[in-house]
PDB file of N, CA and C in Angstrom:
ATOM      1  N   MET A   1     160.231 166.325  40.779  1.00  0.00           N
ATOM      2  CA  MET A   1     160.951 166.892  41.897  1.00  0.00           C
ATOM      3  C   MET A   1     161.152 168.378  41.595  1.00  0.00           C
ATOM      4  N   THR A   2     160.859 169.201  42.572  1.00  0.00           N
ATOM      5  CA  THR A   2     161.011 170.649  42.450  1.00  0.00           C
ATOM      6  C   THR A   2     161.946 171.146  43.534  1.00  0.00           C
ATOM      7  N   LYS A   3     162.857 172.037  43.146  1.00  0.00           N
ATOM      8  CA  LYS A   3     163.749 172.678  44.114  1.00  0.00           C
ATOM      9  C   LYS A   3     163.459 174.166  44.088  1.00  0.00           C
ATOM     10  N   THR A   4     163.239 174.742  45.261  1.00  0.00           N
ATOM     11  CA  THR A   4     163.045 176.181  45.389  1.00  0.00           C
ATOM     12  C   THR A   4     164.193 176.715  46.223  1.00  0.00           C
ATOM     13  N   ILE A   5     164.932 177.669  45.656  1.00  0.00           N
ATOM     14  CA  ILE A   5     166.085 178.246  46.338  1.00  0.00           C
ATOM     15  C   ILE A   5     165.788 179.711  46.598  1.00  0.00           C
ATOM     16  N   THR A   6     165.848 180.100  47.873  1.00  0.00           N
ATOM     17  CA  THR A   6     165.572 181.473  48.272  1.00  0.00           C
ATOM     18  C   THR A   6     166.828 182.065  48.891  1.00  0.00           C
ATOM     19  N   LEU A   7     167.249 183.217  48.372  1.00  0.00           N
ATOM     20  CA  LEU A   7     168.383 183.951  48.922  1.00  0.00           C
ATOM     21  C   LEU A   7     167.845 185.184  49.621  1.00  0.00           C
ATOM     22  N   ARG A   8     168.343 185.442  50.826  1.00  0.00           N
ATOM     23  CA  ARG A   8     167.848 186.560  51.626  1.00  0.00           C
ATOM     24  C   ARG A   8     169.047 187.275  52.241  1.00  0.00           C
ATOM     25  N   THR A   9     169.096 188.600  52.094  1.00  0.00           N
ATOM     26  CA  THR A   9     170.151 189.392  52.714  1.00  0.00           C
ATOM     27  C   THR A   9     169.941 189.427  54.216  1.00  0.00           C
ATOM     28  N   VAL A  10     170.999 189.134  54.956  1.00  0.00           N
ATOM     29  CA  VAL A  10     170.981 189.213  56.417  1.00  0.00           C
ATOM     30  C   VAL A  10     172.176 190.066  56.843  1.00  0.00           C
ATOM     31  N   GLY A  11     172.228 190.409  58.121  1.00  0.00           N
ATOM     32  CA  GLY A  11     173.258 191.312  58.617  1.00  0.00           C
ATOM     33  C   GLY A  11     174.682 190.876  58.340  1.00  0.00           C
ATOM     34  N   CYS A  12     174.929 189.585  58.295  1.00  0.00           N
ATOM     35  CA  CYS A  12     176.306 189.097  58.130  1.00  0.00           C
ATOM     36  C   CYS A  12     176.542 188.461  56.763  1.00  0.00           C
ATOM     37  N   GLY A  13     175.659 188.678  55.797  1.00  0.00           N
ATOM     38  CA  GLY A  13     175.859 188.107  54.467  1.00  0.00           C
ATOM     39  C   GLY A  13     174.554 187.726  53.803  1.00  0.00           C
ATOM     40  N   THR A  14     174.482 186.498  53.339  1.00  0.00           N
ATOM     41  CA  THR A  14     173.309 186.007  52.625  1.00  0.00           C
ATOM     42  C   THR A  14     172.869 184.680  53.218  1.00  0.00           C
ATOM     43  N   GLU A  15     171.578 184.583  53.486  1.00  0.00           N
ATOM     44  CA  GLU A  15     170.988 183.331  53.959  1.00  0.00           C
ATOM     45  C   GLU A  15     170.438 182.593  52.749  1.00  0.00           C
ATOM     46  N   ILE A  16     170.623 181.293  52.709  1.00  0.00           N
ATOM     47  CA  ILE A  16     170.089 180.484  51.618  1.00  0.00           C
ATOM     48  C   ILE A  16     169.135 179.443  52.202  1.00  0.00           C
ATOM     49  N   GLU A  17     167.979 179.326  51.579  1.00  0.00           N
ATOM     50  CA  GLU A  17     166.999 178.307  51.968  1.00  0.00           C
ATOM     51  C   GLU A  17     166.727 177.454  50.736  1.00  0.00           C
ATOM     52  N   ILE A  18     166.854 176.141  50.885  1.00  0.00           N
ATOM     53  CA  ILE A  18     166.650 175.216  49.776  1.00  0.00           C
ATOM     54  C   ILE A  18     165.537 174.254  50.165  1.00  0.00           C
ATOM     55  N   LEU A  19     164.484 174.231  49.361  1.00  0.00           N
ATOM     56  CA  LEU A  19     163.331 173.378  49.625  1.00  0.00           C
ATOM     57  C   LEU A  19     163.189 172.374  48.487  1.00  0.00           C
ATOM     58  N   HIS A  20     163.182 171.092  48.824  1.00  0.00           N
ATOM     59  CA  HIS A  20     162.954 170.022  47.856  1.00  0.00           C
ATOM     60  C   HIS A  20     161.524 169.533  48.041  1.00  0.00           C
ATOM     61  N   GLU A  21     160.785 169.450  46.940  1.00  0.00           N
ATOM     62  CA  GLU A  21     159.418 168.919  46.986  1.00  0.00           C
ATOM     63  C   GLU A  21     159.291 167.804  45.956  1.00  0.00           C
ATOM     64  N   GLY A  22     158.510 166.806  46.284  1.00  0.00           N
ATOM     65  CA  GLY A  22     158.294 165.689  45.370  1.00  0.00           C
ATOM     66  C   GLY A  22     159.515 164.796  45.231  1.00  0.00           C
ATOM     67  N   LEU A  23     160.279 164.705  46.298  1.00  0.00           N
ATOM     68  CA  LEU A  23     161.497 163.892  46.295  1.00  0.00           C
ATOM     69  C   LEU A  23     161.118 162.414  46.200  1.00  0.00           C
ATOM     70  N   PRO A  24     161.666 161.679  45.214  1.00  0.00           N
ATOM     71  CA  PRO A  24     161.354 160.251  45.120  1.00  0.00           C
ATOM     72  C   PRO A  24     161.797 159.509  46.382  1.00  0.00           C
ATOM     73  N   ALA A  25     161.061 158.489  46.750  1.00  0.00           N
ATOM     74  CA  ALA A  25     161.363 157.714  47.958  1.00  0.00           C
ATOM     75  C   ALA A  25     162.752 157.078  47.894  1.00  0.00           C
ATOM     76  N   ALA A  26     163.260 156.840  46.681  1.00  0.00           N
ATOM     77  CA  ALA A  26     164.571 156.208  46.521  1.00  0.00           C
ATOM     78  C   ALA A  26     165.724 157.143  46.886  1.00  0.00           C
ATOM     79  N   ILE A  27     165.444 158.444  47.007  1.00  0.00           N
ATOM     80  CA  ILE A  27     166.491 159.417  47.343  1.00  0.00           C
ATOM     81  C   ILE A  27     166.272 159.891  48.773  1.00  0.00           C
ATOM     82  N   PRO A  28     167.133 159.490  49.698  1.00  0.00           N
ATOM     83  CA  PRO A  28     166.978 159.934  51.087  1.00  0.00           C
ATOM     84  C   PRO A  28     167.205 161.449  51.207  1.00  0.00           C
ATOM     85  N   ALA A  29     166.370 162.112  51.978  1.00  0.00           N
ATOM     86  CA  ALA A  29     166.501 163.562  52.176  1.00  0.00           C
ATOM     87  C   ALA A  29     167.885 163.920  52.706  1.00  0.00           C
ATOM     88  N   GLU A  30     168.450 163.046  53.525  1.00  0.00           N
ATOM     89  CA  GLU A  30     169.781 163.305  54.088  1.00  0.00           C
ATOM     90  C   GLU A  30     170.834 163.409  52.994  1.00  0.00           C
ATOM     91  N   MET A  31     170.674 162.624  51.924  1.00  0.00           N
ATOM     92  CA  MET A  31     171.638 162.672  50.826  1.00  0.00           C
ATOM     93  C   MET A  31     171.532 163.992  50.073  1.00  0.00           C
ATOM     94  N   CYS A  32     170.330 164.527  49.957  1.00  0.00           N
ATOM     95  CA  CYS A  32     170.163 165.846  49.338  1.00  0.00           C
ATOM     96  C   CYS A  32     170.874 166.901  50.176  1.00  0.00           C
ATOM     97  N   TYR A  33     170.702 166.813  51.478  1.00  0.00           N
ATOM     98  CA  TYR A  33     171.353 167.752  52.394  1.00  0.00           C
ATOM     99  C   TYR A  33     172.870 167.681  52.223  1.00  0.00           C
ATOM    100  N   LEU A  34     173.415 166.476  52.227  1.00  0.00           N
ATOM    101  CA  LEU A  34     174.863 166.312  52.071  1.00  0.00           C
ATOM    102  C   LEU A  34     175.346 166.814  50.714  1.00  0.00           C
ATOM    103  N   GLY A  35     174.558 166.572  49.681  1.00  0.00           N
ATOM    104  CA  GLY A  35     174.919 167.043  48.345  1.00  0.00           C
ATOM    105  C   GLY A  35     174.986 168.558  48.272  1.00  0.00           C
ATOM    106  N   TRP A  36     174.010 169.227  48.879  1.00  0.00           N
ATOM    107  CA  TRP A  36     174.025 170.695  48.893  1.00  0.00           C
ATOM    108  C   TRP A  36     175.179 171.224  49.725  1.00  0.00           C
ATOM    109  N   GLN A  37     175.468 170.585  50.849  1.00  0.00           N
ATOM    110  CA  GLN A  37     176.598 171.020  51.680  1.00  0.00           C
ATOM    111  C   GLN A  37     177.899 170.960  50.880  1.00  0.00           C
ATOM    112  N   GLU A  38     178.104 169.862  50.181  1.00  0.00           N
ATOM    113  CA  GLU A  38     179.320 169.710  49.372  1.00  0.00           C
ATOM    114  C   GLU A  38     179.366 170.747  48.248  1.00  0.00           C
ATOM    115  N   SER A  39     178.244 170.967  47.584  1.00  0.00           N
ATOM    116  CA  SER A  39     178.196 171.953  46.502  1.00  0.00           C
ATOM    117  C   SER A  39     178.512 173.353  47.009  1.00  0.00           C
ATOM    118  N   LEU A  40     177.961 173.713  48.162  1.00  0.00           N
ATOM    119  CA  LEU A  40     178.209 175.044  48.717  1.00  0.00           C
ATOM    120  C   LEU A  40     179.654 175.196  49.182  1.00  0.00           C
ATOM    121  N   LEU A  41     180.250 174.133  49.713  1.00  0.00           N
ATOM    122  CA  LEU A  41     181.669 174.182  50.087  1.00  0.00           C
ATOM    123  C   LEU A  41     182.548 174.392  48.855  1.00  0.00           C
ATOM    124  N   GLN A  42     182.229 173.711  47.770  1.00  0.00           N
ATOM    125  CA  GLN A  42     182.997 173.879  46.538  1.00  0.00           C
ATOM    126  C   GLN A  42     182.823 175.288  45.977  1.00  0.00           C
ATOM    127  N   LEU A  43     181.613 175.831  46.040  1.00  0.00           N
ATOM    128  CA  LEU A  43     181.376 177.199  45.589  1.00  0.00           C
ATOM    129  C   LEU A  43     182.185 178.188  46.424  1.00  0.00           C
ATOM    130  N   ALA A  44     182.224 177.989  47.728  1.00  0.00           N
ATOM    131  CA  ALA A  44     182.999 178.873  48.606  1.00  0.00           C
ATOM    132  C   ALA A  44     184.481 178.819  48.250  1.00  0.00           C
ATOM    133  N   ARG A  45     184.999 177.636  47.954  1.00  0.00           N
ATOM    134  CA  ARG A  45     186.413 177.508  47.562  1.00  0.00           C
ATOM    135  C   ARG A  45     186.682 178.265  46.268  1.00  0.00           C
ATOM    136  N   LEU A  46     185.750 178.209  45.334  1.00  0.00           N
ATOM    137  CA  LEU A  46     185.906 178.911  44.062  1.00  0.00           C
ATOM    138  C   LEU A  46     185.862 180.419  44.269  1.00  0.00           C
ATOM    139  N   VAL A  47     184.898 180.880  45.042  1.00  0.00           N
ATOM    140  CA  VAL A  47     184.729 182.318  45.269  1.00  0.00           C
ATOM    141  C   VAL A  47     185.896 182.892  46.063  1.00  0.00           C
ATOM    142  N   ASP A  48     186.411 182.141  47.021  1.00  0.00           N
ATOM    143  CA  ASP A  48     187.493 182.611  47.885  1.00  0.00           C
ATOM    144  C   ASP A  48     188.878 182.247  47.361  1.00  0.00           C
ATOM    145  N   ALA A  49     188.956 181.699  46.170  1.00  0.00           N
ATOM    146  CA  ALA A  49     190.236 181.222  45.646  1.00  0.00           C
ATOM    147  C   ALA A  49     191.236 182.362  45.484  1.00  0.00           C
ATOM    148  N   ASP A  50     192.497 182.078  45.790  1.00  0.00           N
ATOM    149  CA  ASP A  50     193.585 183.031  45.606  1.00  0.00           C
ATOM    150  C   ASP A  50     194.199 182.753  44.239  1.00  0.00           C
ATOM    151  N   ILE A  51     193.694 183.444  43.223  1.00  0.00           N
ATOM    152  CA  ILE A  51     194.128 183.215  41.849  1.00  0.00           C
ATOM    153  C   ILE A  51     195.099 184.326  41.460  1.00  0.00           C
ATOM    154  N   PRO A  52     196.337 183.976  41.087  1.00  0.00           N
ATOM    155  CA  PRO A  52     197.296 185.006  40.694  1.00  0.00           C
ATOM    156  C   PRO A  52     196.817 185.757  39.453  1.00  0.00           C
ATOM    157  N   ASP A  53     197.201 187.023  39.354  1.00  0.00           N
ATOM    158  CA  ASP A  53     196.744 187.840  38.225  1.00  0.00           C
ATOM    159  C   ASP A  53     197.554 187.595  36.958  1.00  0.00           C
ATOM    160  N   GLY A  54     198.521 186.701  36.998  1.00  0.00           N
ATOM    161  CA  GLY A  54     199.280 186.341  35.809  1.00  0.00           C
ATOM    162  C   GLY A  54     200.408 187.303  35.489  1.00  0.00           C
ATOM    163  N   GLY A  55     200.639 188.284  36.319  1.00  0.00           N
ATOM    164  CA  GLY A  55     201.646 189.272  35.973  1.00  0.00           C
ATOM    165  C   GLY A  55     202.669 189.421  36.986  1.00  0.00           C
TER     166      GLY A  55
END
């Protein structure tokens, strides 16, 4: 299984394209889509987190 991730600058931020190749039949493509959606949501929460500076 190969994953190719392409990031491209666009006017309002960054576009991400994720291509899965050689996906085993036992893994539904929809589950890959849902997995990436969840991962990107978690990344957004981390990047946008309001972390106090400790002082």
